[in-house]
Amino acid sequence: MPVAEVLHRAGLRRVHLELASLGSVVLCIGFWTRAKGYDQDERGNAERRALFVGLWPPMFWLIGQNMAEYE
């Protein structure tokens, strides 16, 4: 069973994934700006967290595009 079909049966739609993509961009920017307030030792960990969250938007967007093709 394709992933799009499973997500569609669970009630997830394309717009939900696109909003999740936009939300993760905002979260990444928030983490990155918050990292400026840490001292130099802790800043690296905070920036890595922001970069990790920054990898989510394309994944959510592509899954949303796959859902659009399924719908």
PDB file of N, CA and C in Angstrom:
ATOM      1  N   MET A   1       0.840  -1.165   0.000  1.00  0.00           N
ATOM      2  CA  MET A   1       0.000   0.000   0.000  1.00  0.00           C
ATOM      3  C   MET A   1       0.897   1.244   0.000  1.00  0.00           C
ATOM      4  N   PRO A   2       0.687   2.171  -0.917  1.00  0.00           N
ATOM      5  CA  PRO A   2       1.526   3.371  -0.974  1.00  0.00           C
ATOM      6  C   PRO A   2       1.363   4.252   0.271  1.00  0.00           C
ATOM      7  N   VAL A   3       2.394   5.001   0.564  1.00  0.00           N
ATOM      8  CA  VAL A   3       2.391   5.879   1.735  1.00  0.00           C
ATOM      9  C   VAL A   3       1.270   6.911   1.611  1.00  0.00           C
ATOM     10  N   ALA A   4       1.052   7.441   0.413  1.00  0.00           N
ATOM     11  CA  ALA A   4       0.012   8.452   0.223  1.00  0.00           C
ATOM     12  C   ALA A   4      -1.362   7.895   0.570  1.00  0.00           C
ATOM     13  N   GLU A   5      -1.598   6.655   0.223  1.00  0.00           N
ATOM     14  CA  GLU A   5      -2.894   6.042   0.528  1.00  0.00           C
ATOM     15  C   GLU A   5      -3.076   5.862   2.039  1.00  0.00           C
ATOM     16  N   VAL A   6      -2.031   5.440   2.710  1.00  0.00           N
ATOM     17  CA  VAL A   6      -2.097   5.259   4.161  1.00  0.00           C
ATOM     18  C   VAL A   6      -2.353   6.598   4.846  1.00  0.00           C
ATOM     19  N   LEU A   7      -1.645   7.633   4.430  1.00  0.00           N
ATOM     20  CA  LEU A   7      -1.833   8.955   5.026  1.00  0.00           C
ATOM     21  C   LEU A   7      -3.222   9.507   4.718  1.00  0.00           C
ATOM     22  N   HIS A   8      -3.711   9.253   3.509  1.00  0.00           N
ATOM     23  CA  HIS A   8      -5.036   9.730   3.132  1.00  0.00           C
ATOM     24  C   HIS A   8      -6.112   9.046   3.969  1.00  0.00           C
ATOM     25  N   ARG A   9      -5.969   7.758   4.198  1.00  0.00           N
ATOM     26  CA  ARG A   9      -6.934   7.030   5.032  1.00  0.00           C
ATOM     27  C   ARG A   9      -6.884   7.496   6.482  1.00  0.00           C
ATOM     28  N   ALA A  10      -5.719   7.969   6.912  1.00  0.00           N
ATOM     29  CA  ALA A  10      -5.575   8.467   8.279  1.00  0.00           C
ATOM     30  C   ALA A  10      -6.156   9.869   8.439  1.00  0.00           C
ATOM     31  N   GLY A  11      -6.579  10.480   7.339  1.00  0.00           N
ATOM     32  CA  GLY A  11      -7.192  11.802   7.408  1.00  0.00           C
ATOM     33  C   GLY A  11      -6.258  12.950   7.091  1.00  0.00           C
ATOM     34  N   LEU A  12      -5.047  12.645   6.695  1.00  0.00           N
ATOM     35  CA  LEU A  12      -4.077  13.684   6.365  1.00  0.00           C
ATOM     36  C   LEU A  12      -4.254  14.117   4.922  1.00  0.00           C
ATOM     37  N   ARG A  13      -4.238  15.396   4.676  1.00  0.00           N
ATOM     38  CA  ARG A  13      -4.417  15.932   3.332  1.00  0.00           C
ATOM     39  C   ARG A  13      -3.186  16.748   2.939  1.00  0.00           C
ATOM     40  N   ARG A  14      -3.145  17.118   1.670  1.00  0.00           N
ATOM     41  CA  ARG A  14      -2.013  17.863   1.118  1.00  0.00           C
ATOM     42  C   ARG A  14      -1.791  19.169   1.869  1.00  0.00           C
ATOM     43  N   VAL A  15      -2.855  19.866   2.154  1.00  0.00           N
ATOM     44  CA  VAL A  15      -2.722  21.161   2.814  1.00  0.00           C
ATOM     45  C   VAL A  15      -2.110  21.017   4.209  1.00  0.00           C
ATOM     46  N   HIS A  16      -2.385  19.920   4.896  1.00  0.00           N
ATOM     47  CA  HIS A  16      -1.790  19.700   6.211  1.00  0.00           C
ATOM     48  C   HIS A  16      -0.273  19.568   6.109  1.00  0.00           C
ATOM     49  N   LEU A  17       0.179  18.849   5.105  1.00  0.00           N
ATOM     50  CA  LEU A  17       1.623  18.663   4.941  1.00  0.00           C
ATOM     51  C   LEU A  17       2.302  19.947   4.493  1.00  0.00           C
ATOM     52  N   GLU A  18       1.632  20.744   3.665  1.00  0.00           N
ATOM     53  CA  GLU A  18       2.219  22.016   3.267  1.00  0.00           C
ATOM     54  C   GLU A  18       2.298  22.977   4.447  1.00  0.00           C
ATOM     55  N   LEU A  19       1.295  22.960   5.315  1.00  0.00           N
ATOM     56  CA  LEU A  19       1.356  23.784   6.522  1.00  0.00           C
ATOM     57  C   LEU A  19       2.443  23.289   7.477  1.00  0.00           C
ATOM     58  N   ALA A  20       2.638  21.990   7.546  1.00  0.00           N
ATOM     59  CA  ALA A  20       3.723  21.446   8.369  1.00  0.00           C
ATOM     60  C   ALA A  20       5.081  21.878   7.819  1.00  0.00           C
ATOM     61  N   SER A  21       5.186  21.942   6.500  1.00  0.00           N
ATOM     62  CA  SER A  21       6.422  22.400   5.879  1.00  0.00           C
ATOM     63  C   SER A  21       6.699  23.858   6.242  1.00  0.00           C
ATOM     64  N   LEU A  22       5.674  24.690   6.127  1.00  0.00           N
ATOM     65  CA  LEU A  22       5.831  26.102   6.482  1.00  0.00           C
ATOM     66  C   LEU A  22       6.128  26.265   7.970  1.00  0.00           C
ATOM     67  N   GLY A  23       5.454  25.481   8.795  1.00  0.00           N
ATOM     68  CA  GLY A  23       5.699  25.545  10.231  1.00  0.00           C
ATOM     69  C   GLY A  23       7.110  25.138  10.611  1.00  0.00           C
ATOM     70  N   SER A  24       7.662  24.161   9.915  1.00  0.00           N
ATOM     71  CA  SER A  24       9.026  23.743  10.244  1.00  0.00           C
ATOM     72  C   SER A  24      10.051  24.782   9.792  1.00  0.00           C
ATOM     73  N   VAL A  25       9.734  25.547   8.748  1.00  0.00           N
ATOM     74  CA  VAL A  25      10.620  26.661   8.371  1.00  0.00           C
ATOM     75  C   VAL A  25      10.628  27.706   9.480  1.00  0.00           C
ATOM     76  N   VAL A  26       9.450  28.036   9.987  1.00  0.00           N
ATOM     77  CA  VAL A  26       9.347  29.015  11.077  1.00  0.00           C
ATOM     78  C   VAL A  26      10.053  28.491  12.329  1.00  0.00           C
ATOM     79  N   LEU A  27       9.886  27.218  12.627  1.00  0.00           N
ATOM     80  CA  LEU A  27      10.545  26.620  13.786  1.00  0.00           C
ATOM     81  C   LEU A  27      12.065  26.657  13.633  1.00  0.00           C
ATOM     82  N   CYS A  28      12.546  26.376  12.437  1.00  0.00           N
ATOM     83  CA  CYS A  28      13.992  26.414  12.180  1.00  0.00           C
ATOM     84  C   CYS A  28      14.543  27.821  12.398  1.00  0.00           C
ATOM     85  N   ILE A  29      13.847  28.814  11.875  1.00  0.00           N
ATOM     86  CA  ILE A  29      14.291  30.203  12.051  1.00  0.00           C
ATOM     87  C   ILE A  29      14.255  30.584  13.525  1.00  0.00           C
ATOM     88  N   GLY A  30      13.222  30.127  14.229  1.00  0.00           N
ATOM     89  CA  GLY A  30      13.144  30.399  15.663  1.00  0.00           C
ATOM     90  C   GLY A  30      14.294  29.768  16.435  1.00  0.00           C
ATOM     91  N   PHE A  31      14.607  28.523  16.127  1.00  0.00           N
ATOM     92  CA  PHE A  31      15.742  27.868  16.784  1.00  0.00           C
ATOM     93  C   PHE A  31      17.047  28.583  16.478  1.00  0.00           C
ATOM     94  N   TRP A  32      17.195  29.010  15.230  1.00  0.00           N
ATOM     95  CA  TRP A  32      18.444  29.640  14.822  1.00  0.00           C
ATOM     96  C   TRP A  32      18.622  30.999  15.498  1.00  0.00           C
ATOM     97  N   THR A  33      17.564  31.793  15.567  1.00  0.00           N
ATOM     98  CA  THR A  33      17.687  33.086  16.236  1.00  0.00           C
ATOM     99  C   THR A  33      17.859  32.919  17.741  1.00  0.00           C
ATOM    100  N   ARG A  34      17.253  31.885  18.294  1.00  0.00           N
ATOM    101  CA  ARG A  34      17.417  31.623  19.719  1.00  0.00           C
ATOM    102  C   ARG A  34      18.834  31.164  20.034  1.00  0.00           C
ATOM    103  N   ALA A  35      19.505  30.552  19.073  1.00  0.00           N
ATOM    104  CA  ALA A  35      20.880  30.076  19.285  1.00  0.00           C
ATOM    105  C   ALA A  35      21.839  31.246  19.482  1.00  0.00           C
ATOM    106  N   LYS A  36      21.462  32.417  18.992  1.00  0.00           N
ATOM    107  CA  LYS A  36      22.349  33.581  19.164  1.00  0.00           C
ATOM    108  C   LYS A  36      22.474  33.994  20.626  1.00  0.00           C
ATOM    109  N   GLY A  37      21.501  33.623  21.454  1.00  0.00           N
ATOM    110  CA  GLY A  37      21.539  33.999  22.860  1.00  0.00           C
ATOM    111  C   GLY A  37      22.397  33.096  23.727  1.00  0.00           C
ATOM    112  N   TYR A  38      22.855  31.980  23.199  1.00  0.00           N
ATOM    113  CA  TYR A  38      23.682  31.059  23.967  1.00  0.00           C
ATOM    114  C   TYR A  38      25.149  31.455  23.879  1.00  0.00           C
ATOM    115  N   ASP A  39      25.919  30.986  24.863  1.00  0.00           N
ATOM    116  CA  ASP A  39      27.351  31.234  24.781  1.00  0.00           C
ATOM    117  C   ASP A  39      27.973  30.311  23.730  1.00  0.00           C
ATOM    118  N   GLN A  40      29.226  30.514  23.470  1.00  0.00           N
ATOM    119  CA  GLN A  40      29.886  29.838  22.355  1.00  0.00           C
ATOM    120  C   GLN A  40      29.881  28.317  22.490  1.00  0.00           C
ATOM    121  N   ASP A  41      29.967  27.794  23.698  1.00  0.00           N
ATOM    122  CA  ASP A  41      29.995  26.336  23.892  1.00  0.00           C
ATOM    123  C   ASP A  41      28.661  25.690  23.545  1.00  0.00           C
ATOM    124  N   GLU A  42      27.564  26.331  23.880  1.00  0.00           N
ATOM    125  CA  GLU A  42      26.242  25.762  23.644  1.00  0.00           C
ATOM    126  C   GLU A  42      25.665  26.152  22.289  1.00  0.00           C
ATOM    127  N   ARG A  43      26.242  27.141  21.639  1.00  0.00           N
ATOM    128  CA  ARG A  43      25.703  27.626  20.375  1.00  0.00           C
ATOM    129  C   ARG A  43      25.774  26.569  19.275  1.00  0.00           C
ATOM    130  N   GLY A  44      26.821  25.766  19.255  1.00  0.00           N
ATOM    131  CA  GLY A  44      26.961  24.734  18.220  1.00  0.00           C
ATOM    132  C   GLY A  44      25.824  23.731  18.272  1.00  0.00           C
ATOM    133  N   ASN A  45      25.456  23.312  19.482  1.00  0.00           N
ATOM    134  CA  ASN A  45      24.359  22.350  19.628  1.00  0.00           C
ATOM    135  C   ASN A  45      23.040  22.975  19.186  1.00  0.00           C
ATOM    136  N   ALA A  46      22.810  24.222  19.539  1.00  0.00           N
ATOM    137  CA  ALA A  46      21.566  24.894  19.154  1.00  0.00           C
ATOM    138  C   ALA A  46      21.493  25.092  17.643  1.00  0.00           C
ATOM    139  N   GLU A  47      22.616  25.408  17.017  1.00  0.00           N
ATOM    140  CA  GLU A  47      22.626  25.572  15.562  1.00  0.00           C
ATOM    141  C   GLU A  47      22.422  24.236  14.860  1.00  0.00           C
ATOM    142  N   ARG A  48      22.981  23.161  15.394  1.00  0.00           N
ATOM    143  CA  ARG A  48      22.742  21.834  14.808  1.00  0.00           C
ATOM    144  C   ARG A  48      21.271  21.446  14.908  1.00  0.00           C
ATOM    145  N   ARG A  49      20.629  21.801  16.007  1.00  0.00           N
ATOM    146  CA  ARG A  49      19.200  21.535  16.161  1.00  0.00           C
ATOM    147  C   ARG A  49      18.409  22.298  15.101  1.00  0.00           C
ATOM    148  N   ALA A  50      18.778  23.544  14.864  1.00  0.00           N
ATOM    149  CA  ALA A  50      18.097  24.343  13.842  1.00  0.00           C
ATOM    150  C   ALA A  50      18.322  23.758  12.449  1.00  0.00           C
ATOM    151  N   LEU A  51      19.524  23.297  12.162  1.00  0.00           N
ATOM    152  CA  LEU A  51      19.792  22.686  10.860  1.00  0.00           C
ATOM    153  C   LEU A  51      19.028  21.374  10.689  1.00  0.00           C
ATOM    154  N   PHE A  52      18.912  20.606  11.765  1.00  0.00           N
ATOM    155  CA  PHE A  52      18.157  19.357  11.692  1.00  0.00           C
ATOM    156  C   PHE A  52      16.691  19.629  11.365  1.00  0.00           C
ATOM    157  N   VAL A  53      16.098  20.600  12.043  1.00  0.00           N
ATOM    158  CA  VAL A  53      14.711  20.958  11.769  1.00  0.00           C
ATOM    159  C   VAL A  53      14.596  21.557  10.368  1.00  0.00           C
ATOM    160  N   GLY A  54      15.645  22.197   9.895  1.00  0.00           N
ATOM    161  CA  GLY A  54      15.651  22.776   8.552  1.00  0.00           C
ATOM    162  C   GLY A  54      15.607  21.735   7.447  1.00  0.00           C
ATOM    163  N   LEU A  55      15.852  20.484   7.778  1.00  0.00           N
ATOM    164  CA  LEU A  55      15.756  19.420   6.780  1.00  0.00           C
ATOM    165  C   LEU A  55      14.331  18.925   6.594  1.00  0.00           C
ATOM    166  N   TRP A  56      13.427  19.272   7.483  1.00  0.00           N
ATOM    167  CA  TRP A  56      12.056  18.779   7.421  1.00  0.00           C
ATOM    168  C   TRP A  56      11.206  19.396   6.319  1.00  0.00           C
ATOM    169  N   PRO A  57      11.316  20.698   6.015  1.00  0.00           N
ATOM    170  CA  PRO A  57      10.386  21.291   5.039  1.00  0.00           C
ATOM    171  C   PRO A  57      10.356  20.600   3.680  1.00  0.00           C
ATOM    172  N   PRO A  58      11.496  20.264   3.065  1.00  0.00           N
ATOM    173  CA  PRO A  58      11.381  19.596   1.765  1.00  0.00           C
ATOM    174  C   PRO A  58      10.714  18.229   1.853  1.00  0.00           C
ATOM    175  N   MET A  59      10.946  17.526   2.979  1.00  0.00           N
ATOM    176  CA  MET A  59      10.323  16.215   3.137  1.00  0.00           C
ATOM    177  C   MET A  59       8.804  16.351   3.219  1.00  0.00           C
ATOM    178  N   PHE A  60       8.326  17.272   4.055  1.00  0.00           N
ATOM    179  CA  PHE A  60       6.886  17.477   4.172  1.00  0.00           C
ATOM    180  C   PHE A  60       6.289  17.945   2.847  1.00  0.00           C
ATOM    181  N   TRP A  61       6.999  18.839   2.167  1.00  0.00           N
ATOM    182  CA  TRP A  61       6.485  19.373   0.906  1.00  0.00           C
ATOM    183  C   TRP A  61       6.374  18.271  -0.153  1.00  0.00           C
ATOM    184  N   LEU A  62       7.388  17.427  -0.254  1.00  0.00           N
ATOM    185  CA  LEU A  62       7.354  16.355  -1.252  1.00  0.00           C
ATOM    186  C   LEU A  62       6.284  15.306  -0.929  1.00  0.00           C
ATOM    187  N   ILE A  63       6.105  15.007   0.338  1.00  0.00           N
ATOM    188  CA  ILE A  63       5.023  14.087   0.688  1.00  0.00           C
ATOM    189  C   ILE A  63       3.678  14.724   0.349  1.00  0.00           C
ATOM    190  N   GLY A  64       3.557  16.045   0.567  1.00  0.00           N
ATOM    191  CA  GLY A  64       2.335  16.748   0.192  1.00  0.00           C
ATOM    192  C   GLY A  64       2.088  16.719  -1.305  1.00  0.00           C
ATOM    193  N   GLN A  65       3.136  16.842  -2.105  1.00  0.00           N
ATOM    194  CA  GLN A  65       2.988  16.756  -3.556  1.00  0.00           C
ATOM    195  C   GLN A  65       2.554  15.357  -3.969  1.00  0.00           C
ATOM    196  N   ASN A  66       3.079  14.352  -3.292  1.00  0.00           N
ATOM    197  CA  ASN A  66       2.674  12.978  -3.556  1.00  0.00           C
ATOM    198  C   ASN A  66       1.202  12.786  -3.198  1.00  0.00           C
ATOM    199  N   MET A  67       0.763  13.407  -2.101  1.00  0.00           N
ATOM    200  CA  MET A  67      -0.648  13.342  -1.724  1.00  0.00           C
ATOM    201  C   MET A  67      -1.522  14.035  -2.760  1.00  0.00           C
ATOM    202  N   ALA A  68      -1.061  15.139  -3.333  1.00  0.00           N
ATOM    203  CA  ALA A  68      -1.829  15.849  -4.350  1.00  0.00           C
ATOM    204  C   ALA A  68      -2.023  14.973  -5.590  1.00  0.00           C
ATOM    205  N   GLU A  69      -1.002  14.220  -5.949  1.00  0.00           N
ATOM    206  CA  GLU A  69      -1.125  13.310  -7.090  1.00  0.00           C
ATOM    207  C   GLU A  69      -2.097  12.172  -6.767  1.00  0.00           C
ATOM    208  N   TYR A  70      -2.099  11.730  -5.523  1.00  0.00           N
ATOM    209  CA  TYR A  70      -2.987  10.646  -5.122  1.00  0.00           C
ATOM    210  C   TYR A  70      -4.441  11.118  -5.105  1.00  0.00           C
ATOM    211  N   GLU A  71      -4.664  12.339  -4.603  1.00  0.00           N
ATOM    212  CA  GLU A  71      -6.023  12.866  -4.501  1.00  0.00           C
ATOM    213  C   GLU A  71      -6.570  13.127  -5.883  1.00  0.00           C
TER     214      GLU A  71
END
